[in-house]
C-alpha atoms as a PDB file:
ATOM      1  CA  MET A   1       0.000   0.000   0.000  1.00  0.00           C
ATOM      2  CA  THR A   2       1.408   3.368  -0.971  1.00  0.00           C
ATOM      3  CA  GLU A   3       1.814   6.199   1.514  1.00  0.00           C
ATOM      4  CA  ASN A   4      -0.898   8.213  -0.242  1.00  0.00           C
ATOM      5  CA  ARG A   5      -3.331   5.292  -0.093  1.00  0.00           C
ATOM      6  CA  LYS A   6      -2.525   4.818   3.599  1.00  0.00           C
ATOM      7  CA  LEU A   7      -3.289   8.493   4.331  1.00  0.00           C
ATOM      8  CA  LEU A   8      -6.532   8.237   2.394  1.00  0.00           C
ATOM      9  CA  GLU A   9      -7.551   5.212   4.474  1.00  0.00           C
ATOM     10  CA  VAL A  10      -6.654   7.030   7.709  1.00  0.00           C
ATOM     11  CA  TYR A  11      -8.764  10.007   6.595  1.00  0.00           C
ATOM     12  CA  ARG A  12     -11.672   7.654   5.890  1.00  0.00           C
ATOM     13  CA  LYS A  13     -11.407   6.292   9.440  1.00  0.00           C
ATOM     14  CA  LEU A  14     -11.673   9.769  10.941  1.00  0.00           C
ATOM     15  CA  TRP A  15     -14.630  10.748   8.781  1.00  0.00           C
ATOM     16  CA  SER A  16     -16.356   7.383   8.521  1.00  0.00           C
ATOM     17  CA  ASN A  17     -19.602   8.729   7.046  1.00  0.00           C
ATOM     18  CA  ARG A  18     -17.879  10.251   4.024  1.00  0.00           C
ATOM     19  CA  GLN A  19     -17.913   8.557   0.668  1.00  0.00           C
ATOM     20  CA  LEU A  20     -14.697   9.247  -1.191  1.00  0.00           C
ATOM     21  CA  GLU A  21     -14.663   8.334  -4.828  1.00  0.00           C
ATOM     22  CA  VAL A  22     -11.048   7.663  -5.797  1.00  0.00           C
ATOM     23  CA  SER A  23     -10.456   9.198  -9.189  1.00  0.00           C
ATOM     24  CA  GLY A  24      -7.161   7.582 -10.105  1.00  0.00           C
ATOM     25  CA  ASP A  25      -4.850   9.572  -7.835  1.00  0.00           C
ATOM     26  CA  ASP A  26      -5.160   8.929  -4.096  1.00  0.00           C
ATOM     27  CA  MET A  27      -3.493  12.203  -3.134  1.00  0.00           C
ATOM     28  CA  GLN A  28      -5.765  14.309  -5.359  1.00  0.00           C
ATOM     29  CA  THR A  29      -8.774  12.503  -3.894  1.00  0.00           C
ATOM     30  CA  LEU A  30      -7.561  13.241  -0.374  1.00  0.00           C
ATOM     31  CA  LEU A  31      -6.764  16.899  -1.098  1.00  0.00           C
ATOM     32  CA  GLY A  32     -10.162  17.334  -2.753  1.00  0.00           C
ATOM     33  CA  ALA A  33     -11.926  15.811   0.255  1.00  0.00           C
ATOM     34  CA  ILE A  34     -10.032  18.106   2.636  1.00  0.00           C
ATOM     35  CA  LYS A  35     -10.951  21.130   0.515  1.00  0.00           C
ATOM     36  CA  ILE A  36     -14.634  20.171   0.565  1.00  0.00           C
ATOM     37  CA  GLU A  37     -14.373  19.671   4.324  1.00  0.00           C
ATOM     38  CA  LEU A  38     -12.693  23.025   4.994  1.00  0.00           C
ATOM     39  CA  GLN A  39     -15.152  24.890   2.783  1.00  0.00           C
ATOM     40  CA  ASP A  40     -18.002  23.098   4.574  1.00  0.00           C
ATOM     41  CA  GLU A  41     -19.583  22.163   1.252  1.00  0.00           C
ATOM     42  CA  MET A  42     -21.492  19.232   2.752  1.00  0.00           C
ATOM     43  CA  THR A  43     -23.567  21.623   4.885  1.00  0.00           C
ATOM     44  CA  HIS A  44     -26.508  23.749   3.829  1.00  0.00           C
ATOM     45  CA  PRO A  45     -25.220  27.224   2.809  1.00  0.00           C
ATOM     46  CA  ARG A  46     -27.040  29.045   5.626  1.00  0.00           C
ATOM     47  CA  LEU A  47     -25.489  26.771   8.234  1.00  0.00           C
ATOM     48  CA  ARG A  48     -21.915  26.690   6.955  1.00  0.00           C
ATOM     49  CA  LYS A  49     -19.034  27.601   9.216  1.00  0.00           C
ATOM     50  CA  ASN A  50     -16.173  29.684   7.911  1.00  0.00           C
ATOM     51  CA  THR A  51     -12.918  28.141   6.771  1.00  0.00           C
ATOM     52  CA  GLU A  52     -11.061  29.059   9.951  1.00  0.00           C
ATOM     53  CA  GLN A  53     -13.641  27.343  12.154  1.00  0.00           C
ATOM     54  CA  LYS A  54     -13.604  24.218   9.995  1.00  0.00           C
ATOM     55  CA  PHE A  55      -9.791  24.166   9.962  1.00  0.00           C
ATOM     56  CA  PHE A  56      -9.621  24.430  13.747  1.00  0.00           C
ATOM     57  CA  SER A  57     -12.209  21.704  14.294  1.00  0.00           C
ATOM     58  CA  ALA A  58     -10.483  19.390  11.788  1.00  0.00           C
ATOM     59  CA  VAL A  59      -7.075  19.820  13.446  1.00  0.00           C
ATOM     60  CA  LYS A  60      -8.646  19.305  16.853  1.00  0.00           C
ATOM     61  CA  ARG A  61     -10.390  16.135  15.677  1.00  0.00           C
ATOM     62  CA  ILE A  62      -7.153  14.785  14.224  1.00  0.00           C
ATOM     63  CA  SER A  63      -5.067  15.613  17.287  1.00  0.00           C
ATOM     64  CA  MET A  64      -7.638  14.051  19.654  1.00  0.00           C
ATOM     65  CA  SER A  65      -7.864  10.843  17.609  1.00  0.00           C
ATOM     66  CA  THR A  66      -6.151   7.561  18.396  1.00  0.00           C
ATOM     67  CA  LEU A  67      -4.009   7.757  15.272  1.00  0.00           C
ATOM     68  CA  GLY A  68      -0.250   7.495  15.482  1.00  0.00           C
ATOM     69  CA  ASN A  69       1.735  10.714  15.743  1.00  0.00           C
ATOM     70  CA  GLN A  70       3.132  10.408  12.207  1.00  0.00           C
ATOM     71  CA  GLU A  71      -0.344   9.910  10.742  1.00  0.00           C
ATOM     72  CA  LYS A  72      -1.655  12.880  12.723  1.00  0.00           C
ATOM     73  CA  MET A  73       1.160  15.129  11.548  1.00  0.00           C
ATOM     74  CA  SER A  74       0.743  14.059   7.925  1.00  0.00           C
ATOM     75  CA  LEU A  75      -2.990  14.798   7.958  1.00  0.00           C
ATOM     76  CA  ILE A  76      -2.505  18.125   9.757  1.00  0.00           C
ATOM     77  CA  ASP A  77       0.184  19.098   7.218  1.00  0.00           C
ATOM     78  CA  LEU A  78      -2.236  18.367   4.372  1.00  0.00           C
ATOM     79  CA  HIS A  79      -4.965  20.402   6.066  1.00  0.00           C
ATOM     80  CA  ILE A  80      -2.542  23.326   6.431  1.00  0.00           C
ATOM     81  CA  LYS A  81      -1.587  23.058   2.752  1.00  0.00           C
ATOM     82  CA  VAL A  82      -5.217  23.071   1.586  1.00  0.00           C
ATOM     83  CA  TYR A  83      -6.165  25.835   4.022  1.00  0.00           C
ATOM     84  CA  GLU A  84      -3.365  28.061   2.687  1.00  0.00           C
ATOM     85  CA  GLU A  85      -4.436  27.366  -0.907  1.00  0.00           C
ATOM     86  CA  ILE A  86      -8.026  28.321  -0.074  1.00  0.00           C
ATOM     87  CA  LYS A  87      -6.896  31.552   1.624  1.00  0.00           C
ATOM     88  CA  GLN A  88      -4.678  32.506  -1.313  1.00  0.00           C
ATOM     89  CA  SER A  89      -7.501  32.046  -3.789  1.00  0.00           C
ATOM     90  CA  THR A  90      -9.907  34.315  -1.886  1.00  0.00           C
END
């Protein structure tokens, strides 16, 4: 199992109710899922939280999980990367 596939599986464990359609590239699937999460696209528009709130809650959820430290850091790093990309595009 590749490192990208492993991270995708770890992400699926944290957000067990999410369906993630893998479109060829595991990393692009994971980054796309994180972007949707941080932009709160799965919530009705009137109830959406802002990107900062979603980022904080995602990092908190990851850090409080039972994942290994390396897995936690890898997921948090990806969340930071996507968060910065979102902020640059707005």
